Every structure is written in structure tokens, then in C-alpha cells.
Amino acid sequence: VYWMLNVSLTRDQDMRKSPPDLFPA
């Protein structure tokens, strides 16, 4: 549920970051 909220606030260009951001910077 938290990850769903995190991804909903993430920019398109940050979607494929590795490792992904645990918080939407």
C-alpha cells in the first residue's frame, strides 16, 4: 500500500531508477 502511494507520486523519469527511491524525492 505504501509502495502504491510512493509510485503514484514518482516522476516518469524516476520510474526506472536502480535502486528505486524509497521516498518520492
PDBML (XML) file of the C-alpha atoms, coordinates in Angstrom:
<?xml version="1.0" encoding="UTF-8" ?>
<PDBx:datablock datablockName="MODEL"
   xmlns:PDBx="http://pdbml.pdb.org/schema/pdbx-v50.xsd"
   xmlns:xsi="http://www.w3.org/2001/XMLSchema-instance"
   xsi:schemaLocation="http://pdbml.pdb.org/schema/pdbx-v50.xsd pdbx-v50.xsd">
   <PDBx:atom_siteCategory>
      <PDBx:atom_site id="1">
         <PDBx:B_iso_or_equiv>0.00</PDBx:B_iso_or_equiv>
         <PDBx:Cartn_x>0.000</PDBx:Cartn_x>
         <PDBx:Cartn_y>0.000</PDBx:Cartn_y>
         <PDBx:Cartn_z>0.000</PDBx:Cartn_z>
         <PDBx:auth_asym_id>A</PDBx:auth_asym_id>
         <PDBx:auth_atom_id>CA</PDBx:auth_atom_id>
         <PDBx:auth_comp_id>VAL</PDBx:auth_comp_id>
         <PDBx:auth_seq_id>1</PDBx:auth_seq_id>
         <PDBx:group_PDB>ATOM</PDBx:group_PDB>
         <PDBx:label_alt_id xsi:nil="true" />
         <PDBx:label_asym_id>A</PDBx:label_asym_id>
         <PDBx:label_atom_id>CA</PDBx:label_atom_id>
         <PDBx:label_comp_id>VAL</PDBx:label_comp_id>
         <PDBx:label_entity_id>1</PDBx:label_entity_id>
         <PDBx:label_seq_id>1</PDBx:label_seq_id>
         <PDBx:occupancy>1.00</PDBx:occupancy>
         <PDBx:pdbx_PDB_model_num>1</PDBx:pdbx_PDB_model_num>
         <PDBx:type_symbol>C</PDBx:type_symbol>
      </PDBx:atom_site>
      <PDBx:atom_site id="2">
         <PDBx:B_iso_or_equiv>0.00</PDBx:B_iso_or_equiv>
         <PDBx:Cartn_x>2.838</PDBx:Cartn_x>
         <PDBx:Cartn_y>2.362</PDBx:Cartn_y>
         <PDBx:Cartn_z>0.849</PDBx:Cartn_z>
         <PDBx:auth_asym_id>A</PDBx:auth_asym_id>
         <PDBx:auth_atom_id>CA</PDBx:auth_atom_id>
         <PDBx:auth_comp_id>TYR</PDBx:auth_comp_id>
         <PDBx:auth_seq_id>2</PDBx:auth_seq_id>
         <PDBx:group_PDB>ATOM</PDBx:group_PDB>
         <PDBx:label_alt_id xsi:nil="true" />
         <PDBx:label_asym_id>A</PDBx:label_asym_id>
         <PDBx:label_atom_id>CA</PDBx:label_atom_id>
         <PDBx:label_comp_id>TYR</PDBx:label_comp_id>
         <PDBx:label_entity_id>1</PDBx:label_entity_id>
         <PDBx:label_seq_id>2</PDBx:label_seq_id>
         <PDBx:occupancy>1.00</PDBx:occupancy>
         <PDBx:pdbx_PDB_model_num>1</PDBx:pdbx_PDB_model_num>
         <PDBx:type_symbol>C</PDBx:type_symbol>
      </PDBx:atom_site>
      <PDBx:atom_site id="3">
         <PDBx:B_iso_or_equiv>0.00</PDBx:B_iso_or_equiv>
         <PDBx:Cartn_x>4.644</PDBx:Cartn_x>
         <PDBx:Cartn_y>1.495</PDBx:Cartn_y>
         <PDBx:Cartn_z>-2.390</PDBx:Cartn_z>
         <PDBx:auth_asym_id>A</PDBx:auth_asym_id>
         <PDBx:auth_atom_id>CA</PDBx:auth_atom_id>
         <PDBx:auth_comp_id>TRP</PDBx:auth_comp_id>
         <PDBx:auth_seq_id>3</PDBx:auth_seq_id>
         <PDBx:group_PDB>ATOM</PDBx:group_PDB>
         <PDBx:label_alt_id xsi:nil="true" />
         <PDBx:label_asym_id>A</PDBx:label_asym_id>
         <PDBx:label_atom_id>CA</PDBx:label_atom_id>
         <PDBx:label_comp_id>TRP</PDBx:label_comp_id>
         <PDBx:label_entity_id>1</PDBx:label_entity_id>
         <PDBx:label_seq_id>3</PDBx:label_seq_id>
         <PDBx:occupancy>1.00</PDBx:occupancy>
         <PDBx:pdbx_PDB_model_num>1</PDBx:pdbx_PDB_model_num>
         <PDBx:type_symbol>C</PDBx:type_symbol>
      </PDBx:atom_site>
      <PDBx:atom_site id="4">
         <PDBx:B_iso_or_equiv>0.00</PDBx:B_iso_or_equiv>
         <PDBx:Cartn_x>1.477</PDBx:Cartn_x>
         <PDBx:Cartn_y>2.193</PDBx:Cartn_y>
         <PDBx:Cartn_z>-4.354</PDBx:Cartn_z>
         <PDBx:auth_asym_id>A</PDBx:auth_asym_id>
         <PDBx:auth_atom_id>CA</PDBx:auth_atom_id>
         <PDBx:auth_comp_id>MET</PDBx:auth_comp_id>
         <PDBx:auth_seq_id>4</PDBx:auth_seq_id>
         <PDBx:group_PDB>ATOM</PDBx:group_PDB>
         <PDBx:label_alt_id xsi:nil="true" />
         <PDBx:label_asym_id>A</PDBx:label_asym_id>
         <PDBx:label_atom_id>CA</PDBx:label_atom_id>
         <PDBx:label_comp_id>MET</PDBx:label_comp_id>
         <PDBx:label_entity_id>1</PDBx:label_entity_id>
         <PDBx:label_seq_id>4</PDBx:label_seq_id>
         <PDBx:occupancy>1.00</PDBx:occupancy>
         <PDBx:pdbx_PDB_model_num>1</PDBx:pdbx_PDB_model_num>
         <PDBx:type_symbol>C</PDBx:type_symbol>
      </PDBx:atom_site>
      <PDBx:atom_site id="5">
         <PDBx:B_iso_or_equiv>0.00</PDBx:B_iso_or_equiv>
         <PDBx:Cartn_x>1.350</PDBx:Cartn_x>
         <PDBx:Cartn_y>5.659</PDBx:Cartn_y>
         <PDBx:Cartn_z>-2.779</PDBx:Cartn_z>
         <PDBx:auth_asym_id>A</PDBx:auth_asym_id>
         <PDBx:auth_atom_id>CA</PDBx:auth_atom_id>
         <PDBx:auth_comp_id>LEU</PDBx:auth_comp_id>
         <PDBx:auth_seq_id>5</PDBx:auth_seq_id>
         <PDBx:group_PDB>ATOM</PDBx:group_PDB>
         <PDBx:label_alt_id xsi:nil="true" />
         <PDBx:label_asym_id>A</PDBx:label_asym_id>
         <PDBx:label_atom_id>CA</PDBx:label_atom_id>
         <PDBx:label_comp_id>LEU</PDBx:label_comp_id>
         <PDBx:label_entity_id>1</PDBx:label_entity_id>
         <PDBx:label_seq_id>5</PDBx:label_seq_id>
         <PDBx:occupancy>1.00</PDBx:occupancy>
         <PDBx:pdbx_PDB_model_num>1</PDBx:pdbx_PDB_model_num>
         <PDBx:type_symbol>C</PDBx:type_symbol>
      </PDBx:atom_site>
      <PDBx:atom_site id="6">
         <PDBx:B_iso_or_equiv>0.00</PDBx:B_iso_or_equiv>
         <PDBx:Cartn_x>5.075</PDBx:Cartn_x>
         <PDBx:Cartn_y>6.179</PDBx:Cartn_y>
         <PDBx:Cartn_z>-3.366</PDBx:Cartn_z>
         <PDBx:auth_asym_id>A</PDBx:auth_asym_id>
         <PDBx:auth_atom_id>CA</PDBx:auth_atom_id>
         <PDBx:auth_comp_id>ASN</PDBx:auth_comp_id>
         <PDBx:auth_seq_id>6</PDBx:auth_seq_id>
         <PDBx:group_PDB>ATOM</PDBx:group_PDB>
         <PDBx:label_alt_id xsi:nil="true" />
         <PDBx:label_asym_id>A</PDBx:label_asym_id>
         <PDBx:label_atom_id>CA</PDBx:label_atom_id>
         <PDBx:label_comp_id>ASN</PDBx:label_comp_id>
         <PDBx:label_entity_id>1</PDBx:label_entity_id>
         <PDBx:label_seq_id>6</PDBx:label_seq_id>
         <PDBx:occupancy>1.00</PDBx:occupancy>
         <PDBx:pdbx_PDB_model_num>1</PDBx:pdbx_PDB_model_num>
         <PDBx:type_symbol>C</PDBx:type_symbol>
      </PDBx:atom_site>
      <PDBx:atom_site id="7">
         <PDBx:B_iso_or_equiv>0.00</PDBx:B_iso_or_equiv>
         <PDBx:Cartn_x>4.879</PDBx:Cartn_x>
         <PDBx:Cartn_y>5.280</PDBx:Cartn_y>
         <PDBx:Cartn_z>-7.056</PDBx:Cartn_z>
         <PDBx:auth_asym_id>A</PDBx:auth_asym_id>
         <PDBx:auth_atom_id>CA</PDBx:auth_atom_id>
         <PDBx:auth_comp_id>VAL</PDBx:auth_comp_id>
         <PDBx:auth_seq_id>7</PDBx:auth_seq_id>
         <PDBx:group_PDB>ATOM</PDBx:group_PDB>
         <PDBx:label_alt_id xsi:nil="true" />
         <PDBx:label_asym_id>A</PDBx:label_asym_id>
         <PDBx:label_atom_id>CA</PDBx:label_atom_id>
         <PDBx:label_comp_id>VAL</PDBx:label_comp_id>
         <PDBx:label_entity_id>1</PDBx:label_entity_id>
         <PDBx:label_seq_id>7</PDBx:label_seq_id>
         <PDBx:occupancy>1.00</PDBx:occupancy>
         <PDBx:pdbx_PDB_model_num>1</PDBx:pdbx_PDB_model_num>
         <PDBx:type_symbol>C</PDBx:type_symbol>
      </PDBx:atom_site>
      <PDBx:atom_site id="8">
         <PDBx:B_iso_or_equiv>0.00</PDBx:B_iso_or_equiv>
         <PDBx:Cartn_x>1.801</PDBx:Cartn_x>
         <PDBx:Cartn_y>7.476</PDBx:Cartn_y>
         <PDBx:Cartn_z>-7.514</PDBx:Cartn_z>
         <PDBx:auth_asym_id>A</PDBx:auth_asym_id>
         <PDBx:auth_atom_id>CA</PDBx:auth_atom_id>
         <PDBx:auth_comp_id>SER</PDBx:auth_comp_id>
         <PDBx:auth_seq_id>8</PDBx:auth_seq_id>
         <PDBx:group_PDB>ATOM</PDBx:group_PDB>
         <PDBx:label_alt_id xsi:nil="true" />
         <PDBx:label_asym_id>A</PDBx:label_asym_id>
         <PDBx:label_atom_id>CA</PDBx:label_atom_id>
         <PDBx:label_comp_id>SER</PDBx:label_comp_id>
         <PDBx:label_entity_id>1</PDBx:label_entity_id>
         <PDBx:label_seq_id>8</PDBx:label_seq_id>
         <PDBx:occupancy>1.00</PDBx:occupancy>
         <PDBx:pdbx_PDB_model_num>1</PDBx:pdbx_PDB_model_num>
         <PDBx:type_symbol>C</PDBx:type_symbol>
      </PDBx:atom_site>
      <PDBx:atom_site id="9">
         <PDBx:B_iso_or_equiv>0.00</PDBx:B_iso_or_equiv>
         <PDBx:Cartn_x>3.948</PDBx:Cartn_x>
         <PDBx:Cartn_y>10.470</PDBx:Cartn_y>
         <PDBx:Cartn_z>-6.534</PDBx:Cartn_z>
         <PDBx:auth_asym_id>A</PDBx:auth_asym_id>
         <PDBx:auth_atom_id>CA</PDBx:auth_atom_id>
         <PDBx:auth_comp_id>LEU</PDBx:auth_comp_id>
         <PDBx:auth_seq_id>9</PDBx:auth_seq_id>
         <PDBx:group_PDB>ATOM</PDBx:group_PDB>
         <PDBx:label_alt_id xsi:nil="true" />
         <PDBx:label_asym_id>A</PDBx:label_asym_id>
         <PDBx:label_atom_id>CA</PDBx:label_atom_id>
         <PDBx:label_comp_id>LEU</PDBx:label_comp_id>
         <PDBx:label_entity_id>1</PDBx:label_entity_id>
         <PDBx:label_seq_id>9</PDBx:label_seq_id>
         <PDBx:occupancy>1.00</PDBx:occupancy>
         <PDBx:pdbx_PDB_model_num>1</PDBx:pdbx_PDB_model_num>
         <PDBx:type_symbol>C</PDBx:type_symbol>
      </PDBx:atom_site>
      <PDBx:atom_site id="10">
         <PDBx:B_iso_or_equiv>0.00</PDBx:B_iso_or_equiv>
         <PDBx:Cartn_x>7.026</PDBx:Cartn_x>
         <PDBx:Cartn_y>9.487</PDBx:Cartn_y>
         <PDBx:Cartn_z>-8.575</PDBx:Cartn_z>
         <PDBx:auth_asym_id>A</PDBx:auth_asym_id>
         <PDBx:auth_atom_id>CA</PDBx:auth_atom_id>
         <PDBx:auth_comp_id>THR</PDBx:auth_comp_id>
         <PDBx:auth_seq_id>10</PDBx:auth_seq_id>
         <PDBx:group_PDB>ATOM</PDBx:group_PDB>
         <PDBx:label_alt_id xsi:nil="true" />
         <PDBx:label_asym_id>A</PDBx:label_asym_id>
         <PDBx:label_atom_id>CA</PDBx:label_atom_id>
         <PDBx:label_comp_id>THR</PDBx:label_comp_id>
         <PDBx:label_entity_id>1</PDBx:label_entity_id>
         <PDBx:label_seq_id>10</PDBx:label_seq_id>
         <PDBx:occupancy>1.00</PDBx:occupancy>
         <PDBx:pdbx_PDB_model_num>1</PDBx:pdbx_PDB_model_num>
         <PDBx:type_symbol>C</PDBx:type_symbol>
      </PDBx:atom_site>
      <PDBx:atom_site id="11">
         <PDBx:B_iso_or_equiv>0.00</PDBx:B_iso_or_equiv>
         <PDBx:Cartn_x>8.009</PDBx:Cartn_x>
         <PDBx:Cartn_y>11.272</PDBx:Cartn_y>
         <PDBx:Cartn_z>-11.792</PDBx:Cartn_z>
         <PDBx:auth_asym_id>A</PDBx:auth_asym_id>
         <PDBx:auth_atom_id>CA</PDBx:auth_atom_id>
         <PDBx:auth_comp_id>ARG</PDBx:auth_comp_id>
         <PDBx:auth_seq_id>11</PDBx:auth_seq_id>
         <PDBx:group_PDB>ATOM</PDBx:group_PDB>
         <PDBx:label_alt_id xsi:nil="true" />
         <PDBx:label_asym_id>A</PDBx:label_asym_id>
         <PDBx:label_atom_id>CA</PDBx:label_atom_id>
         <PDBx:label_comp_id>ARG</PDBx:label_comp_id>
         <PDBx:label_entity_id>1</PDBx:label_entity_id>
         <PDBx:label_seq_id>11</PDBx:label_seq_id>
         <PDBx:occupancy>1.00</PDBx:occupancy>
         <PDBx:pdbx_PDB_model_num>1</PDBx:pdbx_PDB_model_num>
         <PDBx:type_symbol>C</PDBx:type_symbol>
      </PDBx:atom_site>
      <PDBx:atom_site id="12">
         <PDBx:B_iso_or_equiv>0.00</PDBx:B_iso_or_equiv>
         <PDBx:Cartn_x>8.098</PDBx:Cartn_x>
         <PDBx:Cartn_y>9.312</PDBx:Cartn_y>
         <PDBx:Cartn_z>-15.054</PDBx:Cartn_z>
         <PDBx:auth_asym_id>A</PDBx:auth_asym_id>
         <PDBx:auth_atom_id>CA</PDBx:auth_atom_id>
         <PDBx:auth_comp_id>ASP</PDBx:auth_comp_id>
         <PDBx:auth_seq_id>12</PDBx:auth_seq_id>
         <PDBx:group_PDB>ATOM</PDBx:group_PDB>
         <PDBx:label_alt_id xsi:nil="true" />
         <PDBx:label_asym_id>A</PDBx:label_asym_id>
         <PDBx:label_atom_id>CA</PDBx:label_atom_id>
         <PDBx:label_comp_id>ASP</PDBx:label_comp_id>
         <PDBx:label_entity_id>1</PDBx:label_entity_id>
         <PDBx:label_seq_id>12</PDBx:label_seq_id>
         <PDBx:occupancy>1.00</PDBx:occupancy>
         <PDBx:pdbx_PDB_model_num>1</PDBx:pdbx_PDB_model_num>
         <PDBx:type_symbol>C</PDBx:type_symbol>
      </PDBx:atom_site>
      <PDBx:atom_site id="13">
         <PDBx:B_iso_or_equiv>0.00</PDBx:B_iso_or_equiv>
         <PDBx:Cartn_x>11.863</PDBx:Cartn_x>
         <PDBx:Cartn_y>9.769</PDBx:Cartn_y>
         <PDBx:Cartn_z>-15.434</PDBx:Cartn_z>
         <PDBx:auth_asym_id>A</PDBx:auth_asym_id>
         <PDBx:auth_atom_id>CA</PDBx:auth_atom_id>
         <PDBx:auth_comp_id>GLN</PDBx:auth_comp_id>
         <PDBx:auth_seq_id>13</PDBx:auth_seq_id>
         <PDBx:group_PDB>ATOM</PDBx:group_PDB>
         <PDBx:label_alt_id xsi:nil="true" />
         <PDBx:label_asym_id>A</PDBx:label_asym_id>
         <PDBx:label_atom_id>CA</PDBx:label_atom_id>
         <PDBx:label_comp_id>GLN</PDBx:label_comp_id>
         <PDBx:label_entity_id>1</PDBx:label_entity_id>
         <PDBx:label_seq_id>13</PDBx:label_seq_id>
         <PDBx:occupancy>1.00</PDBx:occupancy>
         <PDBx:pdbx_PDB_model_num>1</PDBx:pdbx_PDB_model_num>
         <PDBx:type_symbol>C</PDBx:type_symbol>
      </PDBx:atom_site>
      <PDBx:atom_site id="14">
         <PDBx:B_iso_or_equiv>0.00</PDBx:B_iso_or_equiv>
         <PDBx:Cartn_x>12.439</PDBx:Cartn_x>
         <PDBx:Cartn_y>8.299</PDBx:Cartn_y>
         <PDBx:Cartn_z>-11.960</PDBx:Cartn_z>
         <PDBx:auth_asym_id>A</PDBx:auth_asym_id>
         <PDBx:auth_atom_id>CA</PDBx:auth_atom_id>
         <PDBx:auth_comp_id>ASP</PDBx:auth_comp_id>
         <PDBx:auth_seq_id>14</PDBx:auth_seq_id>
         <PDBx:group_PDB>ATOM</PDBx:group_PDB>
         <PDBx:label_alt_id xsi:nil="true" />
         <PDBx:label_asym_id>A</PDBx:label_asym_id>
         <PDBx:label_atom_id>CA</PDBx:label_atom_id>
         <PDBx:label_comp_id>ASP</PDBx:label_comp_id>
         <PDBx:label_entity_id>1</PDBx:label_entity_id>
         <PDBx:label_seq_id>14</PDBx:label_seq_id>
         <PDBx:occupancy>1.00</PDBx:occupancy>
         <PDBx:pdbx_PDB_model_num>1</PDBx:pdbx_PDB_model_num>
         <PDBx:type_symbol>C</PDBx:type_symbol>
      </PDBx:atom_site>
      <PDBx:atom_site id="15">
         <PDBx:B_iso_or_equiv>0.00</PDBx:B_iso_or_equiv>
         <PDBx:Cartn_x>10.412</PDBx:Cartn_x>
         <PDBx:Cartn_y>5.131</PDBx:Cartn_y>
         <PDBx:Cartn_z>-12.530</PDBx:Cartn_z>
         <PDBx:auth_asym_id>A</PDBx:auth_asym_id>
         <PDBx:auth_atom_id>CA</PDBx:auth_atom_id>
         <PDBx:auth_comp_id>MET</PDBx:auth_comp_id>
         <PDBx:auth_seq_id>15</PDBx:auth_seq_id>
         <PDBx:group_PDB>ATOM</PDBx:group_PDB>
         <PDBx:label_alt_id xsi:nil="true" />
         <PDBx:label_asym_id>A</PDBx:label_asym_id>
         <PDBx:label_atom_id>CA</PDBx:label_atom_id>
         <PDBx:label_comp_id>MET</PDBx:label_comp_id>
         <PDBx:label_entity_id>1</PDBx:label_entity_id>
         <PDBx:label_seq_id>15</PDBx:label_seq_id>
         <PDBx:occupancy>1.00</PDBx:occupancy>
         <PDBx:pdbx_PDB_model_num>1</PDBx:pdbx_PDB_model_num>
         <PDBx:type_symbol>C</PDBx:type_symbol>
      </PDBx:atom_site>
      <PDBx:atom_site id="16">
         <PDBx:B_iso_or_equiv>0.00</PDBx:B_iso_or_equiv>
         <PDBx:Cartn_x>13.323</PDBx:Cartn_x>
         <PDBx:Cartn_y>3.005</PDBx:Cartn_y>
         <PDBx:Cartn_z>-13.723</PDBx:Cartn_z>
         <PDBx:auth_asym_id>A</PDBx:auth_asym_id>
         <PDBx:auth_atom_id>CA</PDBx:auth_atom_id>
         <PDBx:auth_comp_id>ARG</PDBx:auth_comp_id>
         <PDBx:auth_seq_id>16</PDBx:auth_seq_id>
         <PDBx:group_PDB>ATOM</PDBx:group_PDB>
         <PDBx:label_alt_id xsi:nil="true" />
         <PDBx:label_asym_id>A</PDBx:label_asym_id>
         <PDBx:label_atom_id>CA</PDBx:label_atom_id>
         <PDBx:label_comp_id>ARG</PDBx:label_comp_id>
         <PDBx:label_entity_id>1</PDBx:label_entity_id>
         <PDBx:label_seq_id>16</PDBx:label_seq_id>
         <PDBx:occupancy>1.00</PDBx:occupancy>
         <PDBx:pdbx_PDB_model_num>1</PDBx:pdbx_PDB_model_num>
         <PDBx:type_symbol>C</PDBx:type_symbol>
      </PDBx:atom_site>
      <PDBx:atom_site id="17">
         <PDBx:B_iso_or_equiv>0.00</PDBx:B_iso_or_equiv>
         <PDBx:Cartn_x>15.903</PDBx:Cartn_x>
         <PDBx:Cartn_y>4.160</PDBx:Cartn_y>
         <PDBx:Cartn_z>-11.202</PDBx:Cartn_z>
         <PDBx:auth_asym_id>A</PDBx:auth_asym_id>
         <PDBx:auth_atom_id>CA</PDBx:auth_atom_id>
         <PDBx:auth_comp_id>LYS</PDBx:auth_comp_id>
         <PDBx:auth_seq_id>17</PDBx:auth_seq_id>
         <PDBx:group_PDB>ATOM</PDBx:group_PDB>
         <PDBx:label_alt_id xsi:nil="true" />
         <PDBx:label_asym_id>A</PDBx:label_asym_id>
         <PDBx:label_atom_id>CA</PDBx:label_atom_id>
         <PDBx:label_comp_id>LYS</PDBx:label_comp_id>
         <PDBx:label_entity_id>1</PDBx:label_entity_id>
         <PDBx:label_seq_id>17</PDBx:label_seq_id>
         <PDBx:occupancy>1.00</PDBx:occupancy>
         <PDBx:pdbx_PDB_model_num>1</PDBx:pdbx_PDB_model_num>
         <PDBx:type_symbol>C</PDBx:type_symbol>
      </PDBx:atom_site>
      <PDBx:atom_site id="18">
         <PDBx:B_iso_or_equiv>0.00</PDBx:B_iso_or_equiv>
         <PDBx:Cartn_x>18.003</PDBx:Cartn_x>
         <PDBx:Cartn_y>1.384</PDBx:Cartn_y>
         <PDBx:Cartn_z>-9.711</PDBx:Cartn_z>
         <PDBx:auth_asym_id>A</PDBx:auth_asym_id>
         <PDBx:auth_atom_id>CA</PDBx:auth_atom_id>
         <PDBx:auth_comp_id>SER</PDBx:auth_comp_id>
         <PDBx:auth_seq_id>18</PDBx:auth_seq_id>
         <PDBx:group_PDB>ATOM</PDBx:group_PDB>
         <PDBx:label_alt_id xsi:nil="true" />
         <PDBx:label_asym_id>A</PDBx:label_asym_id>
         <PDBx:label_atom_id>CA</PDBx:label_atom_id>
         <PDBx:label_comp_id>SER</PDBx:label_comp_id>
         <PDBx:label_entity_id>1</PDBx:label_entity_id>
         <PDBx:label_seq_id>18</PDBx:label_seq_id>
         <PDBx:occupancy>1.00</PDBx:occupancy>
         <PDBx:pdbx_PDB_model_num>1</PDBx:pdbx_PDB_model_num>
         <PDBx:type_symbol>C</PDBx:type_symbol>
      </PDBx:atom_site>
      <PDBx:atom_site id="19">
         <PDBx:B_iso_or_equiv>0.00</PDBx:B_iso_or_equiv>
         <PDBx:Cartn_x>17.724</PDBx:Cartn_x>
         <PDBx:Cartn_y>1.129</PDBx:Cartn_y>
         <PDBx:Cartn_z>-6.817</PDBx:Cartn_z>
         <PDBx:auth_asym_id>A</PDBx:auth_asym_id>
         <PDBx:auth_atom_id>CA</PDBx:auth_atom_id>
         <PDBx:auth_comp_id>PRO</PDBx:auth_comp_id>
         <PDBx:auth_seq_id>19</PDBx:auth_seq_id>
         <PDBx:group_PDB>ATOM</PDBx:group_PDB>
         <PDBx:label_alt_id xsi:nil="true" />
         <PDBx:label_asym_id>A</PDBx:label_asym_id>
         <PDBx:label_atom_id>CA</PDBx:label_atom_id>
         <PDBx:label_comp_id>PRO</PDBx:label_comp_id>
         <PDBx:label_entity_id>1</PDBx:label_entity_id>
         <PDBx:label_seq_id>19</PDBx:label_seq_id>
         <PDBx:occupancy>1.00</PDBx:occupancy>
         <PDBx:pdbx_PDB_model_num>1</PDBx:pdbx_PDB_model_num>
         <PDBx:type_symbol>C</PDBx:type_symbol>
      </PDBx:atom_site>
      <PDBx:atom_site id="20">
         <PDBx:B_iso_or_equiv>0.00</PDBx:B_iso_or_equiv>
         <PDBx:Cartn_x>14.329</PDBx:Cartn_x>
         <PDBx:Cartn_y>2.843</PDBx:Cartn_y>
         <PDBx:Cartn_z>-6.649</PDBx:Cartn_z>
         <PDBx:auth_asym_id>A</PDBx:auth_asym_id>
         <PDBx:auth_atom_id>CA</PDBx:auth_atom_id>
         <PDBx:auth_comp_id>PRO</PDBx:auth_comp_id>
         <PDBx:auth_seq_id>20</PDBx:auth_seq_id>
         <PDBx:group_PDB>ATOM</PDBx:group_PDB>
         <PDBx:label_alt_id xsi:nil="true" />
         <PDBx:label_asym_id>A</PDBx:label_asym_id>
         <PDBx:label_atom_id>CA</PDBx:label_atom_id>
         <PDBx:label_comp_id>PRO</PDBx:label_comp_id>
         <PDBx:label_entity_id>1</PDBx:label_entity_id>
         <PDBx:label_seq_id>20</PDBx:label_seq_id>
         <PDBx:occupancy>1.00</PDBx:occupancy>
         <PDBx:pdbx_PDB_model_num>1</PDBx:pdbx_PDB_model_num>
         <PDBx:type_symbol>C</PDBx:type_symbol>
      </PDBx:atom_site>
      <PDBx:atom_site id="21">
         <PDBx:B_iso_or_equiv>0.00</PDBx:B_iso_or_equiv>
         <PDBx:Cartn_x>13.681</PDBx:Cartn_x>
         <PDBx:Cartn_y>5.675</PDBx:Cartn_y>
         <PDBx:Cartn_z>-4.227</PDBx:Cartn_z>
         <PDBx:auth_asym_id>A</PDBx:auth_asym_id>
         <PDBx:auth_atom_id>CA</PDBx:auth_atom_id>
         <PDBx:auth_comp_id>ASP</PDBx:auth_comp_id>
         <PDBx:auth_seq_id>21</PDBx:auth_seq_id>
         <PDBx:group_PDB>ATOM</PDBx:group_PDB>
         <PDBx:label_alt_id xsi:nil="true" />
         <PDBx:label_asym_id>A</PDBx:label_asym_id>
         <PDBx:label_atom_id>CA</PDBx:label_atom_id>
         <PDBx:label_comp_id>ASP</PDBx:label_comp_id>
         <PDBx:label_entity_id>1</PDBx:label_entity_id>
         <PDBx:label_seq_id>21</PDBx:label_seq_id>
         <PDBx:occupancy>1.00</PDBx:occupancy>
         <PDBx:pdbx_PDB_model_num>1</PDBx:pdbx_PDB_model_num>
         <PDBx:type_symbol>C</PDBx:type_symbol>
      </PDBx:atom_site>
      <PDBx:atom_site id="22">
         <PDBx:B_iso_or_equiv>0.00</PDBx:B_iso_or_equiv>
         <PDBx:Cartn_x>12.023</PDBx:Cartn_x>
         <PDBx:Cartn_y>4.554</PDBx:Cartn_y>
         <PDBx:Cartn_z>-1.019</PDBx:Cartn_z>
         <PDBx:auth_asym_id>A</PDBx:auth_asym_id>
         <PDBx:auth_atom_id>CA</PDBx:auth_atom_id>
         <PDBx:auth_comp_id>LEU</PDBx:auth_comp_id>
         <PDBx:auth_seq_id>22</PDBx:auth_seq_id>
         <PDBx:group_PDB>ATOM</PDBx:group_PDB>
         <PDBx:label_alt_id xsi:nil="true" />
         <PDBx:label_asym_id>A</PDBx:label_asym_id>
         <PDBx:label_atom_id>CA</PDBx:label_atom_id>
         <PDBx:label_comp_id>LEU</PDBx:label_comp_id>
         <PDBx:label_entity_id>1</PDBx:label_entity_id>
         <PDBx:label_seq_id>22</PDBx:label_seq_id>
         <PDBx:occupancy>1.00</PDBx:occupancy>
         <PDBx:pdbx_PDB_model_num>1</PDBx:pdbx_PDB_model_num>
         <PDBx:type_symbol>C</PDBx:type_symbol>
      </PDBx:atom_site>
      <PDBx:atom_site id="23">
         <PDBx:B_iso_or_equiv>0.00</PDBx:B_iso_or_equiv>
         <PDBx:Cartn_x>10.589</PDBx:Cartn_x>
         <PDBx:Cartn_y>8.064</PDBx:Cartn_y>
         <PDBx:Cartn_z>-0.749</PDBx:Cartn_z>
         <PDBx:auth_asym_id>A</PDBx:auth_asym_id>
         <PDBx:auth_atom_id>CA</PDBx:auth_atom_id>
         <PDBx:auth_comp_id>PHE</PDBx:auth_comp_id>
         <PDBx:auth_seq_id>23</PDBx:auth_seq_id>
         <PDBx:group_PDB>ATOM</PDBx:group_PDB>
         <PDBx:label_alt_id xsi:nil="true" />
         <PDBx:label_asym_id>A</PDBx:label_asym_id>
         <PDBx:label_atom_id>CA</PDBx:label_atom_id>
         <PDBx:label_comp_id>PHE</PDBx:label_comp_id>
         <PDBx:label_entity_id>1</PDBx:label_entity_id>
         <PDBx:label_seq_id>23</PDBx:label_seq_id>
         <PDBx:occupancy>1.00</PDBx:occupancy>
         <PDBx:pdbx_PDB_model_num>1</PDBx:pdbx_PDB_model_num>
         <PDBx:type_symbol>C</PDBx:type_symbol>
      </PDBx:atom_site>
      <PDBx:atom_site id="24">
         <PDBx:B_iso_or_equiv>0.00</PDBx:B_iso_or_equiv>
         <PDBx:Cartn_x>9.469</PDBx:Cartn_x>
         <PDBx:Cartn_y>10.311</PDBx:Cartn_y>
         <PDBx:Cartn_z>-3.625</PDBx:Cartn_z>
         <PDBx:auth_asym_id>A</PDBx:auth_asym_id>
         <PDBx:auth_atom_id>CA</PDBx:auth_atom_id>
         <PDBx:auth_comp_id>PRO</PDBx:auth_comp_id>
         <PDBx:auth_seq_id>24</PDBx:auth_seq_id>
         <PDBx:group_PDB>ATOM</PDBx:group_PDB>
         <PDBx:label_alt_id xsi:nil="true" />
         <PDBx:label_asym_id>A</PDBx:label_asym_id>
         <PDBx:label_atom_id>CA</PDBx:label_atom_id>
         <PDBx:label_comp_id>PRO</PDBx:label_comp_id>
         <PDBx:label_entity_id>1</PDBx:label_entity_id>
         <PDBx:label_seq_id>24</PDBx:label_seq_id>
         <PDBx:occupancy>1.00</PDBx:occupancy>
         <PDBx:pdbx_PDB_model_num>1</PDBx:pdbx_PDB_model_num>
         <PDBx:type_symbol>C</PDBx:type_symbol>
      </PDBx:atom_site>
      <PDBx:atom_site id="25">
         <PDBx:B_iso_or_equiv>0.00</PDBx:B_iso_or_equiv>
         <PDBx:Cartn_x>12.399</PDBx:Cartn_x>
         <PDBx:Cartn_y>12.753</PDBx:Cartn_y>
         <PDBx:Cartn_z>-3.599</PDBx:Cartn_z>
         <PDBx:auth_asym_id>A</PDBx:auth_asym_id>
         <PDBx:auth_atom_id>CA</PDBx:auth_atom_id>
         <PDBx:auth_comp_id>ALA</PDBx:auth_comp_id>
         <PDBx:auth_seq_id>25</PDBx:auth_seq_id>
         <PDBx:group_PDB>ATOM</PDBx:group_PDB>
         <PDBx:label_alt_id xsi:nil="true" />
         <PDBx:label_asym_id>A</PDBx:label_asym_id>
         <PDBx:label_atom_id>CA</PDBx:label_atom_id>
         <PDBx:label_comp_id>ALA</PDBx:label_comp_id>
         <PDBx:label_entity_id>1</PDBx:label_entity_id>
         <PDBx:label_seq_id>25</PDBx:label_seq_id>
         <PDBx:occupancy>1.00</PDBx:occupancy>
         <PDBx:pdbx_PDB_model_num>1</PDBx:pdbx_PDB_model_num>
         <PDBx:type_symbol>C</PDBx:type_symbol>
      </PDBx:atom_site>
   </PDBx:atom_siteCategory>
</PDBx:datablock>
